[in-house]
Amino acid sequence: MPAYNNEAVLRRVYEQGIVKGNLTVLDESFDRNFAEHAPLPPGFKAGVEGVKQFFTALRTGFPDLQVTMNDVANQGDKVWARATFTGTHKGTFLNIPPTNKKVSFELIDILRFSGGKVAEHWGVIDNLGMLQQLGAVPPPGQPPKK
């Protein structure tokens, strides 16, 4: 039975797929029956194609996007990661026009692997914090923009 380094696969997805925009990494790293359990924005496809759409939207909105892995843990067929995404909002992201604001938001990814490939993903992203930094959602206690 081959030994797989699941953490290395995740790091490759972050570095090559997200930061560099090389989406062929997803085809190589994700199982053909991949299941996405985290909610994707409305209109995004299911499975790997939806993840590709999301990564493309991130790279379009934040062309200088960087990912820092803060924590990572492995157990059995699962890898957990807490990461920070940083970038400058220079392109339209989810219908939000560019603001040129720098943002930083955290996420937690949980991935289940099968045969060295990502079979399932669960994730939590600080969408509210990101939207507040972009000015699309007012901070608590502040009136909405008119």
N, C-alpha and C. Protein backbone atom coordinates (compact mmCIF):
# COMPACT_ATOMS: atom_id res chain seq x y z
N MET A 1 0.85 -1.19 0.00
CA MET A 1 0.00 0.00 0.00
C MET A 1 0.89 1.24 0.00
N PRO A 2 0.67 2.18 -0.95
CA PRO A 2 1.54 3.37 -1.01
C PRO A 2 1.29 4.31 0.16
N ALA A 3 2.34 5.00 0.55
CA ALA A 3 2.23 6.01 1.61
C ALA A 3 1.96 7.36 0.94
N TYR A 4 0.94 8.06 1.42
CA TYR A 4 0.59 9.36 0.88
C TYR A 4 0.87 10.43 1.92
N ASN A 5 1.29 11.58 1.47
CA ASN A 5 1.48 12.71 2.36
C ASN A 5 0.33 13.68 2.10
N ASN A 6 -0.76 13.46 2.82
CA ASN A 6 -1.96 14.25 2.60
C ASN A 6 -1.74 15.74 2.87
N GLU A 7 -0.94 16.05 3.87
CA GLU A 7 -0.65 17.45 4.17
C GLU A 7 0.06 18.12 2.99
N ALA A 8 0.96 17.40 2.34
CA ALA A 8 1.66 17.95 1.18
C ALA A 8 0.68 18.23 0.04
N VAL A 9 -0.33 17.38 -0.11
CA VAL A 9 -1.34 17.61 -1.14
C VAL A 9 -2.09 18.90 -0.84
N LEU A 10 -2.49 19.08 0.41
CA LEU A 10 -3.19 20.31 0.80
C LEU A 10 -2.31 21.53 0.57
N ARG A 11 -1.07 21.47 0.98
CA ARG A 11 -0.16 22.61 0.75
C ARG A 11 -0.03 22.92 -0.74
N ARG A 12 0.03 21.89 -1.56
CA ARG A 12 0.12 22.09 -3.01
C ARG A 12 -1.15 22.76 -3.54
N VAL A 13 -2.30 22.36 -3.05
CA VAL A 13 -3.57 22.99 -3.48
C VAL A 13 -3.55 24.46 -3.10
N TYR A 14 -3.15 24.78 -1.87
CA TYR A 14 -3.08 26.18 -1.44
C TYR A 14 -2.09 26.97 -2.30
N GLU A 15 -0.86 26.45 -2.41
CA GLU A 15 0.21 27.21 -3.07
C GLU A 15 0.05 27.28 -4.58
N GLN A 16 -0.27 26.16 -5.20
CA GLN A 16 -0.37 26.14 -6.66
C GLN A 16 -1.78 26.50 -7.15
N GLY A 17 -2.79 25.92 -6.51
CA GLY A 17 -4.16 26.13 -6.97
C GLY A 17 -4.72 27.49 -6.62
N ILE A 18 -4.51 27.94 -5.38
CA ILE A 18 -5.08 29.21 -4.96
C ILE A 18 -4.12 30.36 -5.26
N VAL A 19 -2.92 30.31 -4.72
CA VAL A 19 -1.99 31.44 -4.85
C VAL A 19 -1.57 31.65 -6.31
N LYS A 20 -1.24 30.58 -7.01
CA LYS A 20 -0.75 30.73 -8.39
C LYS A 20 -1.83 30.55 -9.44
N GLY A 21 -3.00 30.07 -9.05
CA GLY A 21 -4.11 29.93 -9.99
C GLY A 21 -3.97 28.77 -10.96
N ASN A 22 -3.15 27.79 -10.63
CA ASN A 22 -2.97 26.61 -11.47
C ASN A 22 -4.06 25.59 -11.12
N LEU A 23 -5.19 25.68 -11.79
CA LEU A 23 -6.34 24.85 -11.44
C LEU A 23 -6.20 23.39 -11.87
N THR A 24 -5.21 23.08 -12.70
CA THR A 24 -4.99 21.67 -13.05
C THR A 24 -4.55 20.88 -11.81
N VAL A 25 -4.02 21.58 -10.82
CA VAL A 25 -3.64 20.93 -9.56
C VAL A 25 -4.87 20.30 -8.91
N LEU A 26 -6.03 20.92 -9.06
CA LEU A 26 -7.24 20.35 -8.48
C LEU A 26 -7.61 19.05 -9.18
N ASP A 27 -7.48 19.01 -10.49
CA ASP A 27 -7.77 17.78 -11.22
C ASP A 27 -6.85 16.65 -10.77
N GLU A 28 -5.61 17.00 -10.47
CA GLU A 28 -4.62 16.00 -10.04
C GLU A 28 -4.79 15.61 -8.58
N SER A 29 -5.31 16.53 -7.75
CA SER A 29 -5.32 16.33 -6.30
C SER A 29 -6.67 15.91 -5.74
N PHE A 30 -7.74 16.07 -6.52
CA PHE A 30 -9.08 15.76 -6.02
C PHE A 30 -9.59 14.47 -6.66
N ASP A 31 -10.24 13.65 -5.85
CA ASP A 31 -10.86 12.42 -6.31
C ASP A 31 -11.98 12.73 -7.30
N ARG A 32 -12.19 11.86 -8.27
CA ARG A 32 -13.24 12.13 -9.27
C ARG A 32 -14.63 12.15 -8.66
N ASN A 33 -14.81 11.56 -7.47
CA ASN A 33 -16.10 11.59 -6.78
C ASN A 33 -16.08 12.57 -5.60
N PHE A 34 -15.22 13.57 -5.68
CA PHE A 34 -15.08 14.58 -4.62
C PHE A 34 -16.43 15.16 -4.21
N ALA A 35 -16.60 15.33 -2.90
CA ALA A 35 -17.83 15.93 -2.35
C ALA A 35 -17.47 17.18 -1.57
N GLU A 36 -18.07 18.31 -1.93
CA GLU A 36 -17.88 19.59 -1.23
C GLU A 36 -19.04 19.76 -0.27
N HIS A 37 -18.72 19.88 1.02
CA HIS A 37 -19.77 20.04 2.04
C HIS A 37 -19.89 21.48 2.52
N ALA A 38 -18.93 22.33 2.16
CA ALA A 38 -19.00 23.75 2.54
C ALA A 38 -19.89 24.45 1.51
N PRO A 39 -20.69 25.40 1.97
CA PRO A 39 -21.55 26.10 1.00
C PRO A 39 -20.74 26.97 0.05
N LEU A 40 -21.01 26.83 -1.23
CA LEU A 40 -20.40 27.70 -2.24
C LEU A 40 -21.41 28.80 -2.57
N PRO A 41 -20.95 29.91 -3.11
CA PRO A 41 -21.87 31.00 -3.46
C PRO A 41 -22.94 30.52 -4.46
N PRO A 42 -24.10 31.17 -4.45
CA PRO A 42 -25.16 30.81 -5.40
C PRO A 42 -24.66 30.87 -6.84
N GLY A 43 -25.09 29.89 -7.63
CA GLY A 43 -24.71 29.85 -9.03
C GLY A 43 -23.44 29.07 -9.31
N PHE A 44 -22.70 28.68 -8.28
CA PHE A 44 -21.49 27.89 -8.47
C PHE A 44 -21.86 26.42 -8.62
N LYS A 45 -21.13 25.72 -9.45
CA LYS A 45 -21.38 24.30 -9.70
C LYS A 45 -21.01 23.48 -8.48
N ALA A 46 -21.42 22.22 -8.49
CA ALA A 46 -21.07 21.29 -7.41
C ALA A 46 -19.70 20.68 -7.70
N GLY A 47 -19.13 20.07 -6.68
CA GLY A 47 -17.89 19.31 -6.83
C GLY A 47 -16.67 20.14 -7.17
N VAL A 48 -15.73 19.50 -7.84
CA VAL A 48 -14.45 20.14 -8.17
C VAL A 48 -14.67 21.37 -9.04
N GLU A 49 -15.64 21.32 -9.95
CA GLU A 49 -15.88 22.47 -10.83
C GLU A 49 -16.30 23.70 -10.03
N GLY A 50 -17.10 23.52 -8.98
CA GLY A 50 -17.48 24.63 -8.12
C GLY A 50 -16.29 25.19 -7.35
N VAL A 51 -15.41 24.31 -6.89
CA VAL A 51 -14.20 24.75 -6.19
C VAL A 51 -13.32 25.56 -7.15
N LYS A 52 -13.21 25.09 -8.39
CA LYS A 52 -12.44 25.84 -9.39
C LYS A 52 -13.06 27.22 -9.62
N GLN A 53 -14.39 27.27 -9.71
CA GLN A 53 -15.06 28.57 -9.88
C GLN A 53 -14.75 29.49 -8.71
N PHE A 54 -14.78 28.94 -7.48
CA PHE A 54 -14.53 29.76 -6.30
C PHE A 54 -13.09 30.26 -6.29
N PHE A 55 -12.12 29.38 -6.58
CA PHE A 55 -10.72 29.80 -6.63
C PHE A 55 -10.52 30.87 -7.70
N THR A 56 -11.18 30.71 -8.84
CA THR A 56 -11.08 31.71 -9.91
C THR A 56 -11.66 33.05 -9.45
N ALA A 57 -12.79 33.01 -8.75
CA ALA A 57 -13.39 34.25 -8.23
C ALA A 57 -12.46 34.92 -7.23
N LEU A 58 -11.84 34.13 -6.35
CA LEU A 58 -10.88 34.68 -5.39
C LEU A 58 -9.71 35.34 -6.10
N ARG A 59 -9.14 34.64 -7.09
CA ARG A 59 -7.97 35.17 -7.81
C ARG A 59 -8.33 36.40 -8.64
N THR A 60 -9.57 36.46 -9.16
CA THR A 60 -10.01 37.63 -9.91
C THR A 60 -10.17 38.82 -8.98
N GLY A 61 -10.79 38.60 -7.84
CA GLY A 61 -11.00 39.69 -6.88
C GLY A 61 -9.75 40.12 -6.16
N PHE A 62 -8.87 39.17 -5.90
CA PHE A 62 -7.66 39.42 -5.11
C PHE A 62 -6.46 38.83 -5.86
N PRO A 63 -5.99 39.50 -6.92
CA PRO A 63 -4.92 38.91 -7.75
C PRO A 63 -3.60 38.69 -7.02
N ASP A 64 -3.40 39.37 -5.89
CA ASP A 64 -2.17 39.19 -5.11
C ASP A 64 -2.40 38.27 -3.90
N LEU A 65 -3.44 37.46 -3.96
CA LEU A 65 -3.84 36.60 -2.85
C LEU A 65 -2.69 35.73 -2.35
N GLN A 66 -2.53 35.68 -1.04
CA GLN A 66 -1.53 34.83 -0.40
C GLN A 66 -2.24 33.99 0.66
N VAL A 67 -1.71 32.81 0.91
CA VAL A 67 -2.27 31.90 1.91
C VAL A 67 -1.16 31.54 2.88
N THR A 68 -1.43 31.71 4.17
CA THR A 68 -0.50 31.30 5.22
C THR A 68 -1.16 30.21 6.04
N MET A 69 -0.52 29.06 6.10
CA MET A 69 -1.03 27.98 6.95
C MET A 69 -0.56 28.24 8.37
N ASN A 70 -1.50 28.52 9.25
CA ASN A 70 -1.17 28.81 10.65
C ASN A 70 -1.03 27.54 11.48
N ASP A 71 -1.93 26.59 11.24
CA ASP A 71 -1.92 25.33 11.97
C ASP A 71 -2.36 24.23 11.01
N VAL A 72 -1.80 23.05 11.21
CA VAL A 72 -2.22 21.90 10.42
C VAL A 72 -2.12 20.67 11.32
N ALA A 73 -3.08 19.77 11.18
CA ALA A 73 -3.08 18.53 11.96
C ALA A 73 -3.55 17.40 11.05
N ASN A 74 -3.01 16.23 11.28
CA ASN A 74 -3.36 15.03 10.52
C ASN A 74 -3.79 13.95 11.47
N GLN A 75 -4.79 13.19 11.08
CA GLN A 75 -5.15 11.99 11.81
C GLN A 75 -5.86 11.06 10.86
N GLY A 76 -5.30 9.89 10.68
CA GLY A 76 -5.91 8.93 9.77
C GLY A 76 -5.99 9.49 8.37
N ASP A 77 -7.20 9.51 7.82
CA ASP A 77 -7.39 9.98 6.45
C ASP A 77 -7.81 11.44 6.38
N LYS A 78 -7.69 12.18 7.50
CA LYS A 78 -8.12 13.58 7.52
C LYS A 78 -6.97 14.53 7.83
N VAL A 79 -7.09 15.73 7.23
CA VAL A 79 -6.16 16.83 7.50
C VAL A 79 -7.01 18.05 7.84
N TRP A 80 -6.65 18.72 8.93
CA TRP A 80 -7.29 19.97 9.35
C TRP A 80 -6.28 21.09 9.17
N ALA A 81 -6.74 22.22 8.68
CA ALA A 81 -5.83 23.36 8.54
C ALA A 81 -6.57 24.63 8.92
N ARG A 82 -5.85 25.51 9.61
CA ARG A 82 -6.32 26.88 9.87
C ARG A 82 -5.38 27.78 9.09
N ALA A 83 -5.96 28.57 8.19
CA ALA A 83 -5.13 29.39 7.31
C ALA A 83 -5.64 30.82 7.29
N THR A 84 -4.75 31.73 6.92
CA THR A 84 -5.09 33.14 6.74
C THR A 84 -4.89 33.49 5.27
N PHE A 85 -5.91 34.09 4.68
CA PHE A 85 -5.85 34.58 3.31
C PHE A 85 -5.69 36.09 3.39
N THR A 86 -4.76 36.63 2.62
CA THR A 86 -4.58 38.08 2.54
C THR A 86 -4.49 38.48 1.07
N GLY A 87 -5.01 39.65 0.77
CA GLY A 87 -4.93 40.13 -0.60
C GLY A 87 -5.53 41.52 -0.72
N THR A 88 -5.35 42.12 -1.89
CA THR A 88 -5.87 43.44 -2.19
C THR A 88 -7.02 43.29 -3.17
N HIS A 89 -8.14 43.90 -2.84
CA HIS A 89 -9.36 43.77 -3.65
C HIS A 89 -9.25 44.66 -4.89
N LYS A 90 -8.66 44.09 -5.95
CA LYS A 90 -8.42 44.86 -7.18
C LYS A 90 -9.34 44.47 -8.32
N GLY A 91 -10.16 43.45 -8.13
CA GLY A 91 -11.09 43.01 -9.15
C GLY A 91 -12.44 42.72 -8.53
N THR A 92 -13.46 42.60 -9.36
CA THR A 92 -14.80 42.30 -8.85
C THR A 92 -14.79 40.93 -8.18
N PHE A 93 -15.35 40.86 -6.99
CA PHE A 93 -15.45 39.60 -6.26
C PHE A 93 -16.88 39.44 -5.79
N LEU A 94 -17.55 38.41 -6.28
CA LEU A 94 -18.95 38.12 -5.92
C LEU A 94 -19.82 39.37 -6.08
N ASN A 95 -19.68 40.02 -7.20
CA ASN A 95 -20.44 41.22 -7.57
C ASN A 95 -20.08 42.45 -6.74
N ILE A 96 -19.01 42.42 -5.99
CA ILE A 96 -18.54 43.59 -5.24
C ILE A 96 -17.44 44.24 -6.08
N PRO A 97 -17.66 45.48 -6.55
CA PRO A 97 -16.64 46.13 -7.37
C PRO A 97 -15.35 46.35 -6.57
N PRO A 98 -14.22 46.46 -7.26
CA PRO A 98 -12.93 46.63 -6.57
C PRO A 98 -12.93 47.84 -5.64
N THR A 99 -12.34 47.63 -4.47
CA THR A 99 -12.23 48.71 -3.48
C THR A 99 -10.78 49.12 -3.25
N ASN A 100 -9.84 48.32 -3.74
CA ASN A 100 -8.40 48.49 -3.49
C ASN A 100 -8.05 48.37 -2.01
N LYS A 101 -8.93 47.79 -1.23
CA LYS A 101 -8.66 47.58 0.20
C LYS A 101 -7.93 46.26 0.39
N LYS A 102 -6.99 46.26 1.33
CA LYS A 102 -6.32 45.04 1.73
C LYS A 102 -7.21 44.32 2.75
N VAL A 103 -7.34 43.02 2.57
CA VAL A 103 -8.15 42.24 3.49
C VAL A 103 -7.32 41.07 4.01
N SER A 104 -7.74 40.59 5.15
CA SER A 104 -7.14 39.41 5.76
C SER A 104 -8.27 38.67 6.46
N PHE A 105 -8.46 37.40 6.11
CA PHE A 105 -9.52 36.62 6.73
C PHE A 105 -9.04 35.19 6.93
N GLU A 106 -9.62 34.56 7.92
CA GLU A 106 -9.20 33.20 8.26
C GLU A 106 -10.22 32.18 7.79
N LEU A 107 -9.73 30.96 7.67
CA LEU A 107 -10.61 29.85 7.35
C LEU A 107 -10.08 28.60 8.00
N ILE A 108 -10.97 27.65 8.13
CA ILE A 108 -10.60 26.33 8.63
C ILE A 108 -11.06 25.33 7.58
N ASP A 109 -10.15 24.49 7.14
CA ASP A 109 -10.46 23.44 6.17
C ASP A 109 -10.29 22.09 6.83
N ILE A 110 -11.22 21.20 6.55
CA ILE A 110 -11.10 19.80 6.94
C ILE A 110 -11.25 18.99 5.67
N LEU A 111 -10.26 18.17 5.39
CA LEU A 111 -10.28 17.37 4.17
C LEU A 111 -10.13 15.90 4.52
N ARG A 112 -10.94 15.08 3.86
CA ARG A 112 -10.78 13.63 3.97
C ARG A 112 -10.15 13.14 2.67
N PHE A 113 -9.12 12.31 2.81
CA PHE A 113 -8.38 11.81 1.67
C PHE A 113 -8.69 10.33 1.43
N SER A 114 -8.59 9.96 0.18
CA SER A 114 -8.71 8.57 -0.22
C SER A 114 -7.71 8.33 -1.33
N GLY A 115 -6.78 7.41 -1.11
CA GLY A 115 -5.78 7.11 -2.11
C GLY A 115 -4.90 8.29 -2.48
N GLY A 116 -4.65 9.18 -1.51
CA GLY A 116 -3.79 10.34 -1.75
C GLY A 116 -4.49 11.51 -2.42
N LYS A 117 -5.81 11.42 -2.58
CA LYS A 117 -6.56 12.51 -3.21
C LYS A 117 -7.65 13.00 -2.27
N VAL A 118 -8.00 14.28 -2.42
CA VAL A 118 -9.05 14.87 -1.59
C VAL A 118 -10.38 14.27 -2.03
N ALA A 119 -11.05 13.61 -1.09
CA ALA A 119 -12.34 12.97 -1.37
C ALA A 119 -13.51 13.82 -0.87
N GLU A 120 -13.30 14.53 0.26
CA GLU A 120 -14.35 15.36 0.83
C GLU A 120 -13.73 16.60 1.46
N HIS A 121 -14.50 17.69 1.50
CA HIS A 121 -14.05 18.94 2.12
C HIS A 121 -15.19 19.56 2.91
N TRP A 122 -14.85 20.00 4.12
CA TRP A 122 -15.72 20.84 4.94
C TRP A 122 -14.91 22.08 5.25
N GLY A 123 -15.54 23.24 5.26
CA GLY A 123 -14.77 24.45 5.53
C GLY A 123 -15.62 25.55 6.12
N VAL A 124 -14.95 26.41 6.87
CA VAL A 124 -15.58 27.59 7.45
C VAL A 124 -14.68 28.77 7.13
N ILE A 125 -15.26 29.77 6.46
CA ILE A 125 -14.52 30.99 6.09
C ILE A 125 -15.13 32.16 6.83
N ASP A 126 -14.30 33.08 7.28
CA ASP A 126 -14.79 34.30 7.93
C ASP A 126 -15.29 35.27 6.85
N ASN A 127 -16.42 34.90 6.23
CA ASN A 127 -17.00 35.74 5.19
C ASN A 127 -17.43 37.10 5.73
N LEU A 128 -18.01 37.11 6.93
CA LEU A 128 -18.48 38.37 7.51
C LEU A 128 -17.31 39.33 7.70
N GLY A 129 -16.21 38.85 8.26
CA GLY A 129 -15.05 39.70 8.46
C GLY A 129 -14.51 40.25 7.15
N MET A 130 -14.47 39.40 6.12
CA MET A 130 -13.99 39.84 4.82
C MET A 130 -14.93 40.91 4.25
N LEU A 131 -16.24 40.67 4.30
CA LEU A 131 -17.21 41.64 3.76
C LEU A 131 -17.18 42.95 4.52
N GLN A 132 -16.94 42.91 5.83
CA GLN A 132 -16.81 44.15 6.60
C GLN A 132 -15.56 44.90 6.18
N GLN A 133 -14.45 44.21 5.96
CA GLN A 133 -13.22 44.87 5.52
C GLN A 133 -13.39 45.52 4.15
N LEU A 134 -14.22 44.92 3.30
CA LEU A 134 -14.47 45.47 1.97
C LEU A 134 -15.48 46.61 2.00
N GLY A 135 -16.17 46.78 3.14
CA GLY A 135 -17.18 47.82 3.25
C GLY A 135 -18.53 47.40 2.72
N ALA A 136 -18.69 46.13 2.37
CA ALA A 136 -19.97 45.64 1.84
C ALA A 136 -20.98 45.38 2.95
N VAL A 137 -20.49 45.18 4.18
CA VAL A 137 -21.34 44.97 5.35
C VAL A 137 -20.81 45.90 6.45
N PRO A 138 -21.69 46.68 7.08
CA PRO A 138 -21.18 47.58 8.13
C PRO A 138 -20.75 46.80 9.37
N PRO A 139 -19.76 47.32 10.09
CA PRO A 139 -19.36 46.71 11.35
C PRO A 139 -20.51 46.79 12.35
N PRO A 140 -20.52 45.96 13.37
CA PRO A 140 -21.59 46.01 14.38
C PRO A 140 -21.74 47.41 14.96
N GLY A 141 -22.99 47.84 15.11
CA GLY A 141 -23.27 49.14 15.70
C GLY A 141 -23.20 50.30 14.74
N GLN A 142 -22.87 50.06 13.48
CA GLN A 142 -22.79 51.12 12.48
C GLN A 142 -23.98 50.99 11.55
N PRO A 143 -24.54 52.12 11.14
CA PRO A 143 -25.68 52.05 10.21
C PRO A 143 -25.22 51.60 8.84
N PRO A 144 -26.10 50.93 8.09
CA PRO A 144 -25.74 50.52 6.72
C PRO A 144 -25.50 51.74 5.82
N LYS A 145 -24.67 51.53 4.79
CA LYS A 145 -24.43 52.61 3.81
C LYS A 145 -25.71 52.88 3.05
N LYS A 146 -25.90 54.14 2.68
CA LYS A 146 -27.08 54.50 1.87
C LYS A 146 -26.65 54.91 0.50
